Amino acid sequence: MTQYWLGLDCGGSWLKAGLYDREGREAGVQRLPLCALSPQPGWAERDMAELWQCCMAVIRALLTHSGVSGEQIVGIGISAQGKGLFLLDKNDKPLGNAILSSDRRAMEIVRRWQEDGIPEKLYPLTRQTLWTGHPVSLLRWLKEHEPERYAQIGCVMMTHDYLRWCLTGVKGCEESNISESNLYNMSLGEYDPCLTDWLGI
């Protein structure tokens, strides 16, 4: 039985899936459009349940068109739009829409942080600048503007983490992904509580 590896790419506009054999030969590619929601100017959101339905649909279409069975897939790799905010509540249910990294609602928060010199304190530890699409900026915005929702947060994820959790039931993150969050101390190689203290989240 030939073995295949499944690649998923969740971008800003499309969700793509491809199958490849051990030699890297392509067995098939499928894609489906993704819907971005903008309930207010400058906001960019995505329905988390709809994203998972789209993910299942594109995998189903790929297997159908390629003639490959699920049992032949030995590994899955995920690439996705980074940063943003995908939240689960304390019962592991999606907590509202995901907020995408292209969202600009936290501009005022980032401006205040810049005035207070927070980026200069963070950079030696996180190797990251601060901008509106970072999870920390969006978390602070939620804390200030939607405190009831903020209080219900059970798990903070980004796109990769959410799709991996949907596929496997396992919560986790990759170092290459979480290092973009401004919650991760690059020198220590771990989460650092002083970062959340400085950011007020």
Protein backbone atom coordinates (compact mmCIF):
# COMPACT_ATOMS: atom_id res chain seq x y z
CA MET A 1 0.00 0.00 0.00
CA THR A 2 1.47 3.33 -1.08
CA GLN A 3 1.90 5.83 1.74
CA TYR A 4 1.02 9.50 1.38
CA TRP A 5 1.56 12.71 3.29
CA LEU A 6 -1.22 15.30 3.48
CA GLY A 7 -0.37 18.99 3.39
CA LEU A 8 -2.87 21.66 4.45
CA ASP A 9 -2.42 25.36 3.76
CA CYS A 10 -4.90 27.73 5.40
CA GLY A 11 -4.37 31.18 3.96
CA GLY A 12 -6.31 34.39 3.97
CA SER A 13 -8.52 33.46 1.01
CA TRP A 14 -8.19 29.73 0.32
CA LEU A 15 -7.83 26.43 2.17
CA LYS A 16 -5.68 24.09 0.08
CA ALA A 17 -4.87 20.41 0.52
CA GLY A 18 -2.30 18.32 -1.31
CA LEU A 19 -1.22 14.67 -1.25
CA TYR A 20 2.37 13.56 -1.85
CA ASP A 21 4.11 10.20 -1.89
CA ARG A 22 7.45 9.32 -0.29
CA GLU A 23 9.32 10.67 -3.33
CA GLY A 24 7.47 13.98 -3.21
CA ARG A 25 5.30 13.22 -6.22
CA GLU A 26 1.97 15.02 -6.14
CA ALA A 27 -1.07 12.74 -6.06
CA GLY A 28 -3.64 15.52 -6.04
CA VAL A 29 -4.48 19.06 -4.93
CA GLN A 30 -7.82 20.59 -3.99
CA ARG A 31 -8.80 24.00 -2.66
CA LEU A 32 -11.86 25.76 -1.34
CA PRO A 33 -12.46 29.48 -0.78
CA LEU A 34 -12.52 30.85 2.75
CA CYS A 35 -14.87 33.55 3.92
CA ALA A 36 -13.53 36.47 5.96
CA LEU A 37 -16.06 38.45 7.98
CA SER A 38 -15.81 42.17 8.67
CA PRO A 39 -18.57 43.17 11.10
CA GLN A 40 -16.94 46.59 11.53
CA PRO A 41 -14.43 48.58 9.44
CA GLY A 42 -10.92 47.27 10.01
CA TRP A 43 -12.08 44.01 11.57
CA ALA A 44 -11.26 40.63 10.03
CA GLU A 45 -12.82 37.48 11.47
CA ARG A 46 -13.49 33.88 10.53
CA ASP A 47 -16.19 31.49 11.72
CA MET A 48 -14.24 28.70 13.44
CA ALA A 49 -16.87 26.01 12.92
CA GLU A 50 -17.14 26.95 9.24
CA LEU A 51 -13.35 26.72 8.87
CA TRP A 52 -13.36 23.18 10.27
CA GLN A 53 -16.22 22.19 7.95
CA CYS A 54 -14.23 23.59 5.02
CA CYS A 55 -11.14 21.66 6.14
CA MET A 56 -13.07 18.39 6.23
CA ALA A 57 -14.65 19.13 2.85
CA VAL A 58 -11.33 19.85 1.12
CA ILE A 59 -9.76 16.67 2.54
CA ARG A 60 -12.79 14.65 1.45
CA ALA A 61 -12.61 16.11 -2.06
CA LEU A 62 -8.88 15.41 -2.24
CA LEU A 63 -9.27 11.76 -1.24
CA THR A 64 -12.21 11.28 -3.62
CA HIS A 65 -10.45 12.80 -6.64
CA SER A 66 -7.10 11.13 -5.98
CA GLY A 67 -8.49 7.69 -5.15
CA VAL A 68 -6.32 7.57 -2.02
CA SER A 69 -7.84 6.19 1.18
CA GLY A 70 -7.44 7.79 4.59
CA GLU A 71 -5.58 4.69 5.78
CA GLN A 72 -2.79 5.48 3.32
CA ILE A 73 -2.04 8.86 4.94
CA VAL A 74 0.87 8.55 7.37
CA GLY A 75 1.43 12.19 8.23
CA ILE A 76 -0.13 15.64 8.06
CA GLY A 77 1.62 19.00 7.83
CA ILE A 78 -0.12 22.33 8.34
CA SER A 79 0.91 25.76 7.14
CA ALA A 80 -1.36 28.68 7.89
CA GLN A 81 -1.77 32.40 8.22
CA GLY A 82 0.15 33.24 11.39
CA LYS A 83 -0.77 35.21 14.49
CA GLY A 84 -4.41 36.23 14.97
CA LEU A 85 -6.52 34.66 17.71
CA PHE A 86 -8.53 31.44 17.85
CA LEU A 87 -10.21 30.98 21.24
CA LEU A 88 -11.85 28.02 22.93
CA ASP A 89 -13.99 28.43 26.03
CA LYS A 90 -13.56 26.40 29.19
CA ASN A 91 -15.68 23.62 27.62
CA ASP A 92 -13.51 23.48 24.48
CA LYS A 93 -16.12 25.20 22.31
CA PRO A 94 -15.22 28.00 19.88
CA LEU A 95 -15.52 31.30 21.75
CA GLY A 96 -16.92 33.57 19.07
CA ASN A 97 -15.30 34.10 15.71
CA ALA A 98 -11.56 33.79 15.23
CA ILE A 99 -9.82 37.13 14.77
CA LEU A 100 -7.41 37.14 11.82
CA SER A 101 -3.96 38.70 11.77
CA SER A 102 -5.15 41.30 9.24
CA ASP A 103 -7.54 42.71 11.88
CA ARG A 104 -6.86 46.31 12.97
CA ARG A 105 -9.13 46.80 15.97
CA ALA A 106 -6.20 46.93 18.42
CA MET A 107 -4.46 49.95 16.83
CA GLU A 108 -5.06 52.18 19.84
CA ILE A 109 -3.71 49.54 22.24
CA VAL A 110 -0.53 49.11 20.21
CA ARG A 111 -0.12 52.90 20.05
CA ARG A 112 -0.36 53.13 23.86
CA TRP A 113 2.18 50.34 24.27
CA GLN A 114 4.54 52.17 21.92
CA GLU A 115 4.19 55.37 23.95
CA ASP A 116 4.91 53.40 27.15
CA GLY A 117 8.05 51.79 25.71
CA ILE A 118 6.66 48.25 25.91
CA PRO A 119 8.11 47.10 22.54
CA GLU A 120 11.62 48.00 23.73
CA LYS A 121 11.12 45.89 26.87
CA LEU A 122 9.70 42.93 24.94
CA TYR A 123 12.06 42.72 22.00
CA PRO A 124 15.17 41.43 23.83
CA LEU A 125 13.06 38.52 25.14
CA THR A 126 10.62 37.78 22.31
CA ARG A 127 12.52 39.03 19.22
CA GLN A 128 9.15 40.34 18.05
CA THR A 129 7.74 43.77 17.35
CA LEU A 130 4.19 44.61 18.45
CA TRP A 131 1.42 45.07 15.94
CA THR A 132 -2.34 44.81 15.80
CA GLY A 133 -2.56 41.20 14.57
CA HIS A 134 -0.53 39.69 17.41
CA PRO A 135 -2.47 37.45 19.83
CA VAL A 136 -1.40 39.68 22.74
CA SER A 137 -2.81 42.83 21.11
CA LEU A 138 -6.12 41.11 20.41
CA LEU A 139 -6.28 39.60 23.90
CA ARG A 140 -5.78 43.02 25.46
CA TRP A 141 -8.49 44.44 23.20
CA LEU A 142 -10.90 41.72 24.33
CA LYS A 143 -10.04 42.34 27.97
CA GLU A 144 -10.89 46.03 27.59
CA HIS A 145 -13.87 45.83 25.22
CA GLU A 146 -15.42 42.36 25.72
CA PRO A 147 -14.59 41.43 29.33
CA GLU A 148 -17.33 38.79 29.52
CA ARG A 149 -15.86 36.94 26.56
CA TYR A 150 -12.33 37.39 27.91
CA ALA A 151 -13.35 35.79 31.22
CA GLN A 152 -14.59 32.69 29.38
CA ILE A 153 -11.28 31.96 27.61
CA GLY A 154 -10.12 28.41 28.21
CA CYS A 155 -7.47 28.10 25.49
CA VAL A 156 -5.62 30.55 23.24
CA MET A 157 -4.68 29.24 19.80
CA MET A 158 -3.61 30.35 16.37
CA THR A 159 -4.79 28.86 13.06
CA HIS A 160 -2.30 25.95 13.01
CA ASP A 161 -3.15 25.02 16.59
CA TYR A 162 -6.89 25.08 16.01
CA LEU A 163 -6.78 22.88 12.89
CA ARG A 164 -4.39 20.45 14.59
CA TRP A 165 -6.74 20.25 17.58
CA CYS A 166 -9.74 19.63 15.30
CA LEU A 167 -7.85 16.86 13.50
CA THR A 168 -6.34 15.15 16.55
CA GLY A 169 -8.09 16.33 19.71
CA VAL A 170 -4.67 17.36 21.06
CA LYS A 171 -3.97 20.92 22.20
CA GLY A 172 -0.49 22.15 21.48
CA CYS A 173 1.65 24.52 19.50
CA GLU A 174 4.87 24.53 17.53
CA GLU A 175 7.80 26.59 18.77
CA SER A 176 8.13 28.19 15.33
CA ASN A 177 4.52 29.35 15.62
CA ILE A 178 4.19 30.34 19.27
CA SER A 179 7.45 32.30 19.02
CA GLU A 180 5.48 34.85 16.96
CA SER A 181 2.96 35.45 19.75
CA ASN A 182 4.92 37.79 22.08
CA LEU A 183 4.11 35.31 24.86
CA TYR A 184 7.27 33.24 24.37
CA ASN A 185 10.70 34.05 25.77
CA MET A 186 13.14 33.09 23.02
CA SER A 187 16.12 33.04 25.38
CA LEU A 188 14.44 30.69 27.85
CA GLY A 189 12.56 28.66 25.23
CA GLU A 190 9.31 28.85 27.19
CA TYR A 191 6.31 30.98 28.11
CA ASP A 192 7.26 33.87 30.37
CA PRO A 193 4.74 35.33 32.88
CA CYS A 194 6.53 38.69 32.92
CA LEU A 195 5.44 39.21 29.30
CA THR A 196 1.75 38.96 30.17
CA ASP A 197 2.32 41.26 33.15
CA TRP A 198 3.88 43.95 30.95
CA LEU A 199 1.07 43.58 28.41
CA GLY A 200 -1.74 43.60 30.97
CA ILE A 201 -3.32 40.31 29.93
